[in-house]
Full PDB file with SEQRES, HELIX, SHEET, SSBOND, CRYST1, ORIGX, SCALE, CONECT and MASTER records, all heavy atoms in Angstrom:
SEQRES   1 A   43  HIS VAL VAL THR VAL PRO ASP GLN THR ALA LEU GLU GLU          
SEQRES   2 A   43  ALA ALA ALA ASN ARG ALA ARG ILE ASP ARG THR SER ASP          
SEQRES   3 A   43  ASP LEU LEU ALA ALA ALA VAL ASP ASP ALA ALA ALA PHE          
SEQRES   4 A   43  ASP ALA PRO VAL                                              
HELIX    1 AA1 LEU A   11  ALA A   16  1                                   6    
HELIX    2 AA2 ARG A   18  ALA A   36  1                                  19    
CRYST1    1.000    1.000    1.000  90.00  90.00  90.00 P 1           1          
ORIGX1      1.000000  0.000000  0.000000        0.00000                         
ORIGX2      0.000000  1.000000  0.000000        0.00000                         
ORIGX3      0.000000  0.000000  1.000000        0.00000                         
SCALE1      1.000000  0.000000  0.000000        0.00000                         
SCALE2      0.000000  1.000000  0.000000        0.00000                         
SCALE3      0.000000  0.000000  1.000000        0.00000                         
ATOM      1  N   HIS A   1       0.452  -3.460  -3.709  1.00  0.00           N  
ATOM      2  CA  HIS A   1      -0.664  -2.521  -3.851  1.00  0.00           C  
ATOM      3  C   HIS A   1      -0.148  -1.341  -4.652  1.00  0.00           C  
ATOM      4  O   HIS A   1       0.733  -0.603  -4.191  1.00  0.00           O  
ATOM      5  CB  HIS A   1      -1.172  -2.049  -2.491  1.00  0.00           C  
ATOM      6  CG  HIS A   1      -2.302  -1.070  -2.588  1.00  0.00           C  
ATOM      7  ND1 HIS A   1      -2.482  -0.049  -1.682  1.00  0.00           N  
ATOM      8  CD2 HIS A   1      -3.298  -0.959  -3.493  1.00  0.00           C  
ATOM      9  CE1 HIS A   1      -3.555   0.639  -2.019  1.00  0.00           C  
ATOM     10  NE2 HIS A   1      -4.064   0.108  -3.121  1.00  0.00           N  
ATOM     11  N   VAL A   2      -0.640  -1.194  -5.876  1.00  0.00           N  
ATOM     12  CA  VAL A   2      -0.246  -0.089  -6.731  1.00  0.00           C  
ATOM     13  C   VAL A   2      -1.186   1.081  -6.468  1.00  0.00           C  
ATOM     14  O   VAL A   2      -2.398   0.984  -6.684  1.00  0.00           O  
ATOM     15  CB  VAL A   2      -0.288  -0.467  -8.225  1.00  0.00           C  
ATOM     16  CG1 VAL A   2       0.060   0.739  -9.092  1.00  0.00           C  
ATOM     17  CG2 VAL A   2       0.682  -1.623  -8.500  1.00  0.00           C  
ATOM     18  N   VAL A   3      -0.644   2.162  -5.958  1.00  0.00           N  
ATOM     19  CA  VAL A   3      -1.414   3.380  -5.711  1.00  0.00           C  
ATOM     20  C   VAL A   3      -1.257   4.280  -6.922  1.00  0.00           C  
ATOM     21  O   VAL A   3      -0.156   4.753  -7.232  1.00  0.00           O  
ATOM     22  CB  VAL A   3      -0.914   4.102  -4.435  1.00  0.00           C  
ATOM     23  CG1 VAL A   3      -1.698   5.407  -4.220  1.00  0.00           C  
ATOM     24  CG2 VAL A   3      -1.046   3.198  -3.225  1.00  0.00           C  
ATOM     25  N   THR A   4      -2.349   4.483  -7.639  1.00  0.00           N  
ATOM     26  CA  THR A   4      -2.301   5.284  -8.854  1.00  0.00           C  
ATOM     27  C   THR A   4      -2.317   6.765  -8.506  1.00  0.00           C  
ATOM     28  O   THR A   4      -3.269   7.261  -7.880  1.00  0.00           O  
ATOM     29  CB  THR A   4      -3.491   4.961  -9.773  1.00  0.00           C  
ATOM     30  OG1 THR A   4      -3.502   3.560 -10.061  1.00  0.00           O  
ATOM     31  CG2 THR A   4      -3.383   5.728 -11.083  1.00  0.00           C  
ATOM     32  N   VAL A   5      -1.270   7.467  -8.895  1.00  0.00           N  
ATOM     33  CA  VAL A   5      -1.121   8.894  -8.633  1.00  0.00           C  
ATOM     34  C   VAL A   5      -1.574   9.657  -9.867  1.00  0.00           C  
ATOM     35  O   VAL A   5      -1.213   9.295 -10.996  1.00  0.00           O  
ATOM     36  CB  VAL A   5       0.348   9.234  -8.315  1.00  0.00           C  
ATOM     37  CG1 VAL A   5       0.537  10.737  -8.105  1.00  0.00           C  
ATOM     38  CG2 VAL A   5       0.807   8.458  -7.080  1.00  0.00           C  
ATOM     39  N   PRO A   6      -2.392  10.720  -9.744  1.00  0.00           N  
ATOM     40  CA  PRO A   6      -2.819  11.499 -10.916  1.00  0.00           C  
ATOM     41  C   PRO A   6      -1.626  11.994 -11.718  1.00  0.00           C  
ATOM     42  O   PRO A   6      -0.564  12.314 -11.148  1.00  0.00           O  
ATOM     43  CB  PRO A   6      -3.608  12.674 -10.292  1.00  0.00           C  
ATOM     44  CG  PRO A   6      -4.059  12.149  -8.966  1.00  0.00           C  
ATOM     45  CD  PRO A   6      -2.980  11.230  -8.485  1.00  0.00           C  
ATOM     46  N   ASP A   7      -1.816  12.057 -13.026  1.00  0.00           N  
ATOM     47  CA  ASP A   7      -0.710  12.449 -13.902  1.00  0.00           C  
ATOM     48  C   ASP A   7      -0.134  13.811 -13.527  1.00  0.00           C  
ATOM     49  O   ASP A   7       1.065  14.050 -13.699  1.00  0.00           O  
ATOM     50  CB  ASP A   7      -1.182  12.478 -15.362  1.00  0.00           C  
ATOM     51  CG  ASP A   7      -1.462  11.089 -15.902  1.00  0.00           C  
ATOM     52  OD1 ASP A   7      -0.994  10.113 -15.292  1.00  0.00           O  
ATOM     53  OD2 ASP A   7      -2.167  10.978 -16.923  1.00  0.00           O  
ATOM     54  N   GLN A   8      -0.996  14.703 -13.054  1.00  0.00           N  
ATOM     55  CA  GLN A   8      -0.525  16.064 -12.735  1.00  0.00           C  
ATOM     56  C   GLN A   8       0.233  16.140 -11.412  1.00  0.00           C  
ATOM     57  O   GLN A   8       0.805  17.186 -11.076  1.00  0.00           O  
ATOM     58  CB  GLN A   8      -1.698  17.047 -12.723  1.00  0.00           C  
ATOM     59  CG  GLN A   8      -2.748  16.771 -11.649  1.00  0.00           C  
ATOM     60  CD  GLN A   8      -3.842  15.845 -12.128  1.00  0.00           C  
ATOM     61  OE1 GLN A   8      -3.627  15.056 -13.061  1.00  0.00           O  
ATOM     62  NE2 GLN A   8      -5.010  15.937 -11.530  1.00  0.00           N  
ATOM     63  N   THR A   9       0.257  15.045 -10.657  1.00  0.00           N  
ATOM     64  CA  THR A   9       0.964  15.018  -9.375  1.00  0.00           C  
ATOM     65  C   THR A   9       2.287  14.278  -9.532  1.00  0.00           C  
ATOM     66  O   THR A   9       2.298  13.125  -9.976  1.00  0.00           O  
ATOM     67  CB  THR A   9       0.122  14.321  -8.288  1.00  0.00           C  
ATOM     68  OG1 THR A   9      -1.129  14.990  -8.157  1.00  0.00           O  
ATOM     69  CG2 THR A   9       0.847  14.310  -6.964  1.00  0.00           C  
ATOM     70  N   ALA A  10       3.378  14.949  -9.204  1.00  0.00           N  
ATOM     71  CA  ALA A  10       4.689  14.299  -9.293  1.00  0.00           C  
ATOM     72  C   ALA A  10       4.786  13.179  -8.277  1.00  0.00           C  
ATOM     73  O   ALA A  10       4.244  13.266  -7.169  1.00  0.00           O  
ATOM     74  CB  ALA A  10       5.788  15.322  -9.050  1.00  0.00           C  
ATOM     75  N   LEU A  11       5.475  12.120  -8.656  1.00  0.00           N  
ATOM     76  CA  LEU A  11       5.627  10.990  -7.739  1.00  0.00           C  
ATOM     77  C   LEU A  11       6.378  11.405  -6.484  1.00  0.00           C  
ATOM     78  O   LEU A  11       6.122  10.878  -5.394  1.00  0.00           O  
ATOM     79  CB  LEU A  11       6.370   9.842  -8.445  1.00  0.00           C  
ATOM     80  CG  LEU A  11       5.611   9.161  -9.580  1.00  0.00           C  
ATOM     81  CD1 LEU A  11       6.461   8.048 -10.182  1.00  0.00           C  
ATOM     82  CD2 LEU A  11       4.277   8.600  -9.088  1.00  0.00           C  
ATOM     83  N   GLU A  12       7.312  12.365  -6.627  1.00  0.00           N  
ATOM     84  CA  GLU A  12       8.038  12.856  -5.464  1.00  0.00           C  
ATOM     85  C   GLU A  12       7.101  13.538  -4.487  1.00  0.00           C  
ATOM     86  O   GLU A  12       7.205  13.379  -3.269  1.00  0.00           O  
ATOM     87  CB  GLU A  12       9.150  13.827  -5.890  1.00  0.00           C  
ATOM     88  CG  GLU A  12      10.258  13.212  -6.719  1.00  0.00           C  
ATOM     89  CD  GLU A  12       9.880  12.993  -8.171  1.00  0.00           C  
ATOM     90  OE1 GLU A  12       8.775  13.430  -8.577  1.00  0.00           O  
ATOM     91  OE2 GLU A  12      10.686  12.392  -8.902  1.00  0.00           O  
ATOM     92  N   GLU A  13       6.136  14.296  -5.027  1.00  0.00           N  
ATOM     93  CA  GLU A  13       5.157  14.964  -4.170  1.00  0.00           C  
ATOM     94  C   GLU A  13       4.261  13.931  -3.481  1.00  0.00           C  
ATOM     95  O   GLU A  13       3.940  14.052  -2.304  1.00  0.00           O  
ATOM     96  CB  GLU A  13       4.302  15.910  -5.005  1.00  0.00           C  
ATOM     97  CG  GLU A  13       3.232  16.640  -4.211  1.00  0.00           C  
ATOM     98  CD  GLU A  13       2.354  17.523  -5.096  1.00  0.00           C  
ATOM     99  OE1 GLU A  13       2.759  17.786  -6.254  1.00  0.00           O  
ATOM    100  OE2 GLU A  13       1.272  17.907  -4.626  1.00  0.00           O  
ATOM    101  N   ALA A  14       3.867  12.915  -4.238  1.00  0.00           N  
ATOM    102  CA  ALA A  14       3.039  11.865  -3.655  1.00  0.00           C  
ATOM    103  C   ALA A  14       3.796  11.120  -2.563  1.00  0.00           C  
ATOM    104  O   ALA A  14       3.235  10.777  -1.516  1.00  0.00           O  
ATOM    105  CB  ALA A  14       2.600  10.885  -4.738  1.00  0.00           C  
ATOM    106  N   ALA A  15       5.100  10.876  -2.804  1.00  0.00           N  
ATOM    107  CA  ALA A  15       5.907  10.181  -1.804  1.00  0.00           C  
ATOM    108  C   ALA A  15       6.027  10.996  -0.525  1.00  0.00           C  
ATOM    109  O   ALA A  15       6.069  10.444   0.573  1.00  0.00           O  
ATOM    110  CB  ALA A  15       7.295   9.890  -2.372  1.00  0.00           C  
ATOM    111  N   ALA A  16       6.028  12.321  -0.666  1.00  0.00           N  
ATOM    112  CA  ALA A  16       6.131  13.183   0.509  1.00  0.00           C  
ATOM    113  C   ALA A  16       4.871  13.140   1.347  1.00  0.00           C  
ATOM    114  O   ALA A  16       4.882  13.470   2.542  1.00  0.00           O  
ATOM    115  CB  ALA A  16       6.408  14.616   0.066  1.00  0.00           C  
ATOM    116  N   ASN A  17       3.755  12.725   0.739  1.00  0.00           N  
ATOM    117  CA  ASN A  17       2.484  12.617   1.458  1.00  0.00           C  
ATOM    118  C   ASN A  17       2.102  11.159   1.712  1.00  0.00           C  
ATOM    119  O   ASN A  17       0.924  10.826   1.798  1.00  0.00           O  
ATOM    120  CB  ASN A  17       1.366  13.299   0.661  1.00  0.00           C  
ATOM    121  CG  ASN A  17       1.578  14.795   0.555  1.00  0.00           C  
ATOM    122  OD1 ASN A  17       1.738  15.468   1.576  1.00  0.00           O  
ATOM    123  ND2 ASN A  17       1.594  15.309  -0.655  1.00  0.00           N  
ATOM    124  N   ARG A  18       3.097  10.324   1.840  1.00  0.00           N  
ATOM    125  CA  ARG A  18       2.822   8.890   1.971  1.00  0.00           C  
ATOM    126  C   ARG A  18       2.158   8.536   3.294  1.00  0.00           C  
ATOM    127  O   ARG A  18       1.556   7.484   3.424  1.00  0.00           O  
ATOM    128  CB  ARG A  18       4.119   8.082   1.833  1.00  0.00           C  
ATOM    129  CG  ARG A  18       4.580   7.958   0.401  1.00  0.00           C  
ATOM    130  CD  ARG A  18       5.584   6.848   0.244  1.00  0.00           C  
ATOM    131  NE  ARG A  18       4.987   5.538   0.525  1.00  0.00           N  
ATOM    132  CZ  ARG A  18       5.555   4.394   0.166  1.00  0.00           C  
ATOM    133  NH1 ARG A  18       6.721   4.393  -0.446  1.00  0.00           N  
ATOM    134  NH2 ARG A  18       4.988   3.243   0.463  1.00  0.00           N  
ATOM    135  N   ALA A  19       2.242   9.400   4.269  1.00  0.00           N  
ATOM    136  CA  ALA A  19       1.612   9.100   5.556  1.00  0.00           C  
ATOM    137  C   ALA A  19       0.118   8.857   5.367  1.00  0.00           C  
ATOM    138  O   ALA A  19      -0.450   7.918   5.926  1.00  0.00           O  
ATOM    139  CB  ALA A  19       1.853  10.224   6.540  1.00  0.00           C  
ATOM    140  N   ARG A  20      -0.506   9.688   4.539  1.00  0.00           N  
ATOM    141  CA  ARG A  20      -1.939   9.517   4.267  1.00  0.00           C  
ATOM    142  C   ARG A  20      -2.165   8.280   3.396  1.00  0.00           C  
ATOM    143  O   ARG A  20      -3.057   7.483   3.646  1.00  0.00           O  
ATOM    144  CB  ARG A  20      -2.494  10.765   3.578  1.00  0.00           C  
ATOM    145  CG  ARG A  20      -3.957  10.626   3.179  1.00  0.00           C  
ATOM    146  CD  ARG A  20      -4.434  11.883   2.469  1.00  0.00           C  
ATOM    147  NE  ARG A  20      -3.594  12.193   1.321  1.00  0.00           N  
ATOM    148  CZ  ARG A  20      -3.755  11.614   0.134  1.00  0.00           C  
ATOM    149  NH1 ARG A  20      -4.683  10.684  -0.033  1.00  0.00           N  
ATOM    150  NH2 ARG A  20      -2.984  11.946  -0.882  1.00  0.00           N  
ATOM    151  N   ILE A  21      -1.344   8.123   2.374  1.00  0.00           N  
ATOM    152  CA  ILE A  21      -1.492   7.000   1.457  1.00  0.00           C  
ATOM    153  C   ILE A  21      -1.243   5.686   2.193  1.00  0.00           C  
ATOM    154  O   ILE A  21      -1.951   4.697   1.996  1.00  0.00           O  
ATOM    155  CB  ILE A  21      -0.521   7.153   0.274  1.00  0.00           C  
ATOM    156  CG1 ILE A  21      -0.901   8.368  -0.573  1.00  0.00           C  
ATOM    157  CG2 ILE A  21      -0.502   5.902  -0.591  1.00  0.00           C  
ATOM    158  CD1 ILE A  21       0.093   8.709  -1.640  1.00  0.00           C  
ATOM    159  N   ASP A  22      -0.211   5.683   3.018  1.00  0.00           N  
ATOM    160  CA  ASP A  22       0.198   4.448   3.684  1.00  0.00           C  
ATOM    161  C   ASP A  22      -0.888   3.885   4.594  1.00  0.00           C  
ATOM    162  O   ASP A  22      -0.969   2.682   4.787  1.00  0.00           O  
ATOM    163  CB  ASP A  22       1.484   4.662   4.470  1.00  0.00           C  
ATOM    164  CG  ASP A  22       2.711   4.624   3.578  1.00  0.00           C  
ATOM    165  OD1 ASP A  22       2.574   4.259   2.406  1.00  0.00           O  
ATOM    166  OD2 ASP A  22       3.781   4.990   4.060  1.00  0.00           O  
ATOM    167  N   ARG A  23      -1.714   4.757   5.181  1.00  0.00           N  
ATOM    168  CA  ARG A  23      -2.747   4.256   6.078  1.00  0.00           C  
ATOM    169  C   ARG A  23      -3.710   3.342   5.332  1.00  0.00           C  
ATOM    170  O   ARG A  23      -4.052   2.258   5.795  1.00  0.00           O  
ATOM    171  CB  ARG A  23      -3.508   5.423   6.723  1.00  0.00           C  
ATOM    172  CG  ARG A  23      -2.778   6.067   7.881  1.00  0.00           C  
ATOM    173  CD  ARG A  23      -3.737   6.908   8.714  1.00  0.00           C  
ATOM    174  NE  ARG A  23      -4.277   8.015   7.946  1.00  0.00           N  
ATOM    175  CZ  ARG A  23      -3.709   9.220   7.861  1.00  0.00           C  
ATOM    176  NH1 ARG A  23      -2.557   9.449   8.480  1.00  0.00           N  
ATOM    177  NH2 ARG A  23      -4.267  10.182   7.157  1.00  0.00           N  
ATOM    178  N   THR A  24      -4.113   3.785   4.145  1.00  0.00           N  
ATOM    179  CA  THR A  24      -5.021   2.966   3.341  1.00  0.00           C  
ATOM    180  C   THR A  24      -4.320   1.726   2.837  1.00  0.00           C  
ATOM    181  O   THR A  24      -4.840   0.610   2.907  1.00  0.00           O  
ATOM    182  CB  THR A  24      -5.556   3.774   2.159  1.00  0.00           C  
ATOM    183  OG1 THR A  24      -6.235   4.935   2.652  1.00  0.00           O  
ATOM    184  CG2 THR A  24      -6.500   2.961   1.309  1.00  0.00           C  
ATOM    185  N   SER A  25      -3.114   1.910   2.314  1.00  0.00           N  
ATOM    186  CA  SER A  25      -2.371   0.795   1.762  1.00  0.00           C  
ATOM    187  C   SER A  25      -1.979  -0.201   2.849  1.00  0.00           C  
ATOM    188  O   SER A  25      -2.067  -1.416   2.655  1.00  0.00           O  
ATOM    189  CB  SER A  25      -1.113   1.307   1.047  1.00  0.00           C  
ATOM    190  OG  SER A  25      -0.488   0.278   0.320  1.00  0.00           O  
ATOM    191  N   ASP A  26      -1.559   0.321   4.000  1.00  0.00           N  
ATOM    192  CA  ASP A  26      -1.152  -0.560   5.098  1.00  0.00           C  
ATOM    193  C   ASP A  26      -2.311  -1.442   5.567  1.00  0.00           C  
ATOM    194  O   ASP A  26      -2.119  -2.625   5.872  1.00  0.00           O  
ATOM    195  CB  ASP A  26      -0.615   0.259   6.268  1.00  0.00           C  
ATOM    196  CG  ASP A  26       0.780   0.806   5.999  1.00  0.00           C  
ATOM    197  OD1 ASP A  26       1.377   0.404   4.988  1.00  0.00           O  
ATOM    198  OD2 ASP A  26       1.247   1.628   6.799  1.00  0.00           O  
ATOM    199  N   ASP A  27      -3.503  -0.869   5.634  1.00  0.00           N  
ATOM    200  CA  ASP A  27      -4.661  -1.655   6.055  1.00  0.00           C  
ATOM    201  C   ASP A  27      -4.933  -2.795   5.064  1.00  0.00           C  
ATOM    202  O   ASP A  27      -5.209  -3.929   5.461  1.00  0.00           O  
ATOM    203  CB  ASP A  27      -5.900  -0.764   6.161  1.00  0.00           C  
ATOM    204  CG  ASP A  27      -5.836   0.190   7.348  1.00  0.00           C  
ATOM    205  OD1 ASP A  27      -4.987  -0.044   8.237  1.00  0.00           O  
ATOM    206  OD2 ASP A  27      -6.621   1.154   7.376  1.00  0.00           O  
ATOM    207  N   LEU A  28      -4.858  -2.474   3.773  1.00  0.00           N  
ATOM    208  CA  LEU A  28      -5.112  -3.487   2.742  1.00  0.00           C  
ATOM    209  C   LEU A  28      -4.053  -4.586   2.784  1.00  0.00           C  
ATOM    210  O   LEU A  28      -4.370  -5.771   2.730  1.00  0.00           O  
ATOM    211  CB  LEU A  28      -5.144  -2.816   1.372  1.00  0.00           C  
ATOM    212  CG  LEU A  28      -5.510  -3.689   0.174  1.00  0.00           C  
ATOM    213  CD1 LEU A  28      -6.901  -4.279   0.338  1.00  0.00           C  
ATOM    214  CD2 LEU A  28      -5.436  -2.868  -1.116  1.00  0.00           C  
ATOM    215  N   LEU A  29      -2.788  -4.190   2.905  1.00  0.00           N  
ATOM    216  CA  LEU A  29      -1.704  -5.175   2.918  1.00  0.00           C  
ATOM    217  C   LEU A  29      -1.688  -5.975   4.206  1.00  0.00           C  
ATOM    218  O   LEU A  29      -1.353  -7.164   4.205  1.00  0.00           O  
ATOM    219  CB  LEU A  29      -0.369  -4.465   2.699  1.00  0.00           C  
ATOM    220  CG  LEU A  29      -0.198  -3.829   1.321  1.00  0.00           C  
ATOM    221  CD1 LEU A  29       1.157  -3.113   1.238  1.00  0.00           C  
ATOM    222  CD2 LEU A  29      -0.323  -4.862   0.205  1.00  0.00           C  
ATOM    223  N   ALA A  30      -2.068  -5.340   5.328  1.00  0.00           N  
ATOM    224  CA  ALA A  30      -2.144  -6.082   6.591  1.00  0.00           C  
ATOM    225  C   ALA A  30      -3.210  -7.166   6.516  1.00  0.00           C  
ATOM    226  O   ALA A  30      -3.017  -8.295   7.005  1.00  0.00           O  
ATOM    227  CB  ALA A  30      -2.441  -5.129   7.746  1.00  0.00           C  
ATOM    228  N   ALA A  31      -4.343  -6.861   5.890  1.00  0.00           N  
ATOM    229  CA  ALA A  31      -5.382  -7.871   5.711  1.00  0.00           C  
ATOM    230  C   ALA A  31      -4.883  -9.005   4.826  1.00  0.00           C  
ATOM    231  O   ALA A  31      -5.183 -10.186   5.075  1.00  0.00           O  
ATOM    232  CB  ALA A  31      -6.623  -7.229   5.101  1.00  0.00           C  
ATOM    233  N   ALA A  32      -4.091  -8.660   3.808  1.00  0.00           N  
ATOM    234  CA  ALA A  32      -3.554  -9.686   2.914  1.00  0.00           C  
ATOM    235  C   ALA A  32      -2.584 -10.603   3.657  1.00  0.00           C  
ATOM    236  O   ALA A  32      -2.580 -11.820   3.458  1.00  0.00           O  
ATOM    237  CB  ALA A  32      -2.847  -9.023   1.732  1.00  0.00           C  
ATOM    238  N   VAL A  33      -1.763 -10.029   4.525  1.00  0.00           N  
ATOM    239  CA  VAL A  33      -0.825 -10.833   5.313  1.00  0.00           C  
ATOM    240  C   VAL A  33      -1.602 -11.787   6.225  1.00  0.00           C  
ATOM    241  O   VAL A  33      -1.245 -12.966   6.369  1.00  0.00           O  
ATOM    242  CB  VAL A  33       0.109  -9.928   6.134  1.00  0.00           C  
ATOM    243  CG1 VAL A  33       0.911 -10.747   7.132  1.00  0.00           C  
ATOM    244  CG2 VAL A  33       1.057  -9.177   5.197  1.00  0.00           C  
ATOM    245  N   ASP A  34      -2.667 -11.291   6.841  1.00  0.00           N  
ATOM    246  CA  ASP A  34      -3.480 -12.139   7.707  1.00  0.00           C  
ATOM    247  C   ASP A  34      -4.074 -13.297   6.918  1.00  0.00           C  
ATOM    248  O   ASP A  34      -4.080 -14.450   7.382  1.00  0.00           O  
ATOM    249  CB  ASP A  34      -4.597 -11.331   8.356  1.00  0.00           C  
ATOM    250  CG  ASP A  34      -4.082 -10.371   9.428  1.00  0.00           C  
ATOM    251  OD1 ASP A  34      -2.946 -10.575   9.892  1.00  0.00           O  
ATOM    252  OD2 ASP A  34      -4.817  -9.430   9.789  1.00  0.00           O  
ATOM    253  N   ASP A  35      -4.576 -13.023   5.724  1.00  0.00           N  
ATOM    254  CA  ASP A  35      -5.186 -14.076   4.906  1.00  0.00           C  
ATOM    255  C   ASP A  35      -4.128 -15.061   4.411  1.00  0.00           C  
ATOM    256  O   ASP A  35      -4.376 -16.278   4.330  1.00  0.00           O  
ATOM    257  CB  ASP A  35      -5.913 -13.463   3.707  1.00  0.00           C  
ATOM    258  CG  ASP A  35      -7.181 -12.743   4.130  1.00  0.00           C  
ATOM    259  OD1 ASP A  35      -7.824 -13.170   5.102  1.00  0.00           O  
ATOM    260  OD2 ASP A  35      -7.537 -11.745   3.484  1.00  0.00           O  
ATOM    261  N   ALA A  36      -2.937 -14.564   4.088  1.00  0.00           N  
ATOM    262  CA  ALA A  36      -1.872 -15.435   3.597  1.00  0.00           C  
ATOM    263  C   ALA A  36      -1.339 -16.355   4.679  1.00  0.00           C  
ATOM    264  O   ALA A  36      -0.736 -17.397   4.384  1.00  0.00           O  
ATOM    265  CB  ALA A  36      -0.727 -14.592   3.022  1.00  0.00           C  
ATOM    266  N   ALA A  37      -1.577 -16.013   5.953  1.00  0.00           N  
ATOM    267  CA  ALA A  37      -1.085 -16.835   7.059  1.00  0.00           C  
ATOM    268  C   ALA A  37      -1.718 -18.226   7.059  1.00  0.00           C  
ATOM    269  O   ALA A  37      -1.194 -19.149   7.692  1.00  0.00           O  
ATOM    270  CB  ALA A  37      -1.350 -16.137   8.384  1.00  0.00           C  
ATOM    271  N   ALA A  38      -2.824 -18.392   6.347  1.00  0.00           N  
ATOM    272  CA  ALA A  38      -3.494 -19.690   6.280  1.00  0.00           C  
ATOM    273  C   ALA A  38      -2.723 -20.688   5.420  1.00  0.00           C  
ATOM    274  O   ALA A  38      -3.047 -21.879   5.426  1.00  0.00           O  
ATOM    275  CB  ALA A  38      -4.916 -19.527   5.744  1.00  0.00           C  
ATOM    276  N   PHE A  39      -1.700 -20.218   4.710  1.00  0.00           N  
ATOM    277  CA  PHE A  39      -0.983 -21.081   3.763  1.00  0.00           C  
ATOM    278  C   PHE A  39       0.468 -21.260   4.200  1.00  0.00           C  
ATOM    279  O   PHE A  39       1.054 -20.392   4.839  1.00  0.00           O  
ATOM    280  CB  PHE A  39      -1.049 -20.458   2.358  1.00  0.00           C  
ATOM    281  CG  PHE A  39      -2.461 -20.281   1.872  1.00  0.00           C  
ATOM    282  CD1 PHE A  39      -3.120 -19.069   2.066  1.00  0.00           C  
ATOM    283  CD2 PHE A  39      -3.129 -21.314   1.266  1.00  0.00           C  
ATOM    284  CE1 PHE A  39      -4.428 -18.897   1.644  1.00  0.00           C  
ATOM    285  CE2 PHE A  39      -4.440 -21.164   0.843  1.00  0.00           C  
ATOM    286  CZ  PHE A  39      -5.086 -19.957   1.037  1.00  0.00           C  
ATOM    287  N   ASP A  40       0.999 -22.398   3.821  1.00  0.00           N  
ATOM    288  CA  ASP A  40       2.381 -22.723   4.170  1.00  0.00           C  
ATOM    289  C   ASP A  40       3.316 -22.109   3.129  1.00  0.00           C  
ATOM    290  O   ASP A  40       3.935 -22.802   2.308  1.00  0.00           O  
ATOM    291  CB  ASP A  40       2.551 -24.242   4.223  1.00  0.00           C  
ATOM    292  CG  ASP A  40       3.945 -24.636   4.715  1.00  0.00           C  
ATOM    293  OD1 ASP A  40       4.644 -23.768   5.283  1.00  0.00           O  
ATOM    294  OD2 ASP A  40       4.324 -25.808   4.525  1.00  0.00           O  
ATOM    295  N   ALA A  41       3.375 -20.786   3.140  1.00  0.00           N  
ATOM    296  CA  ALA A  41       4.231 -20.049   2.207  1.00  0.00           C  
ATOM    297  C   ALA A  41       4.548 -18.689   2.820  1.00  0.00           C  
ATOM    298  O   ALA A  41       3.639 -18.022   3.330  1.00  0.00           O  
ATOM    299  CB  ALA A  41       3.533 -19.874   0.855  1.00  0.00           C  
ATOM    300  N   PRO A  42       5.796 -18.268   2.803  1.00  0.00           N  
ATOM    301  CA  PRO A  42       6.122 -16.938   3.330  1.00  0.00           C  
ATOM    302  C   PRO A  42       5.495 -15.846   2.479  1.00  0.00           C  
ATOM    303  O   PRO A  42       5.220 -16.032   1.291  1.00  0.00           O  
ATOM    304  CB  PRO A  42       7.660 -16.899   3.233  1.00  0.00           C  
ATOM    305  CG  PRO A  42       8.018 -17.919   2.223  1.00  0.00           C  
ATOM    306  CD  PRO A  42       6.980 -18.984   2.276  1.00  0.00           C  
ATOM    307  N   VAL A  43       5.256 -14.696   3.089  1.00  0.00           N  
ATOM    308  CA  VAL A  43       4.604 -13.590   2.390  1.00  0.00           C  
ATOM    309  C   VAL A  43       5.379 -12.307   2.617  1.00  0.00           C  
ATOM    310  O   VAL A  43       5.905 -12.059   3.707  1.00  0.00           O  
ATOM    311  CB  VAL A  43       3.131 -13.441   2.851  1.00  0.00           C  
ATOM    312  CG1 VAL A  43       3.050 -13.204   4.348  1.00  0.00           C  
ATOM    313  CG2 VAL A  43       2.423 -12.328   2.081  1.00  0.00           C  
TER     314      VAL A  43                                                      
MASTER        0    0    0    2    0    0    0    6  313    1    0    4          
END                                                                             
């Protein structure tokens, strides 16, 4: 999941606020893991 950070925001600053970002990203990736469980392939 590529989280696009505005050009004016440093990546270091965005990383420091990952708690907020991670909630959205974690939900999306958790759903992907659940869907991938239907297949015989590690994820």
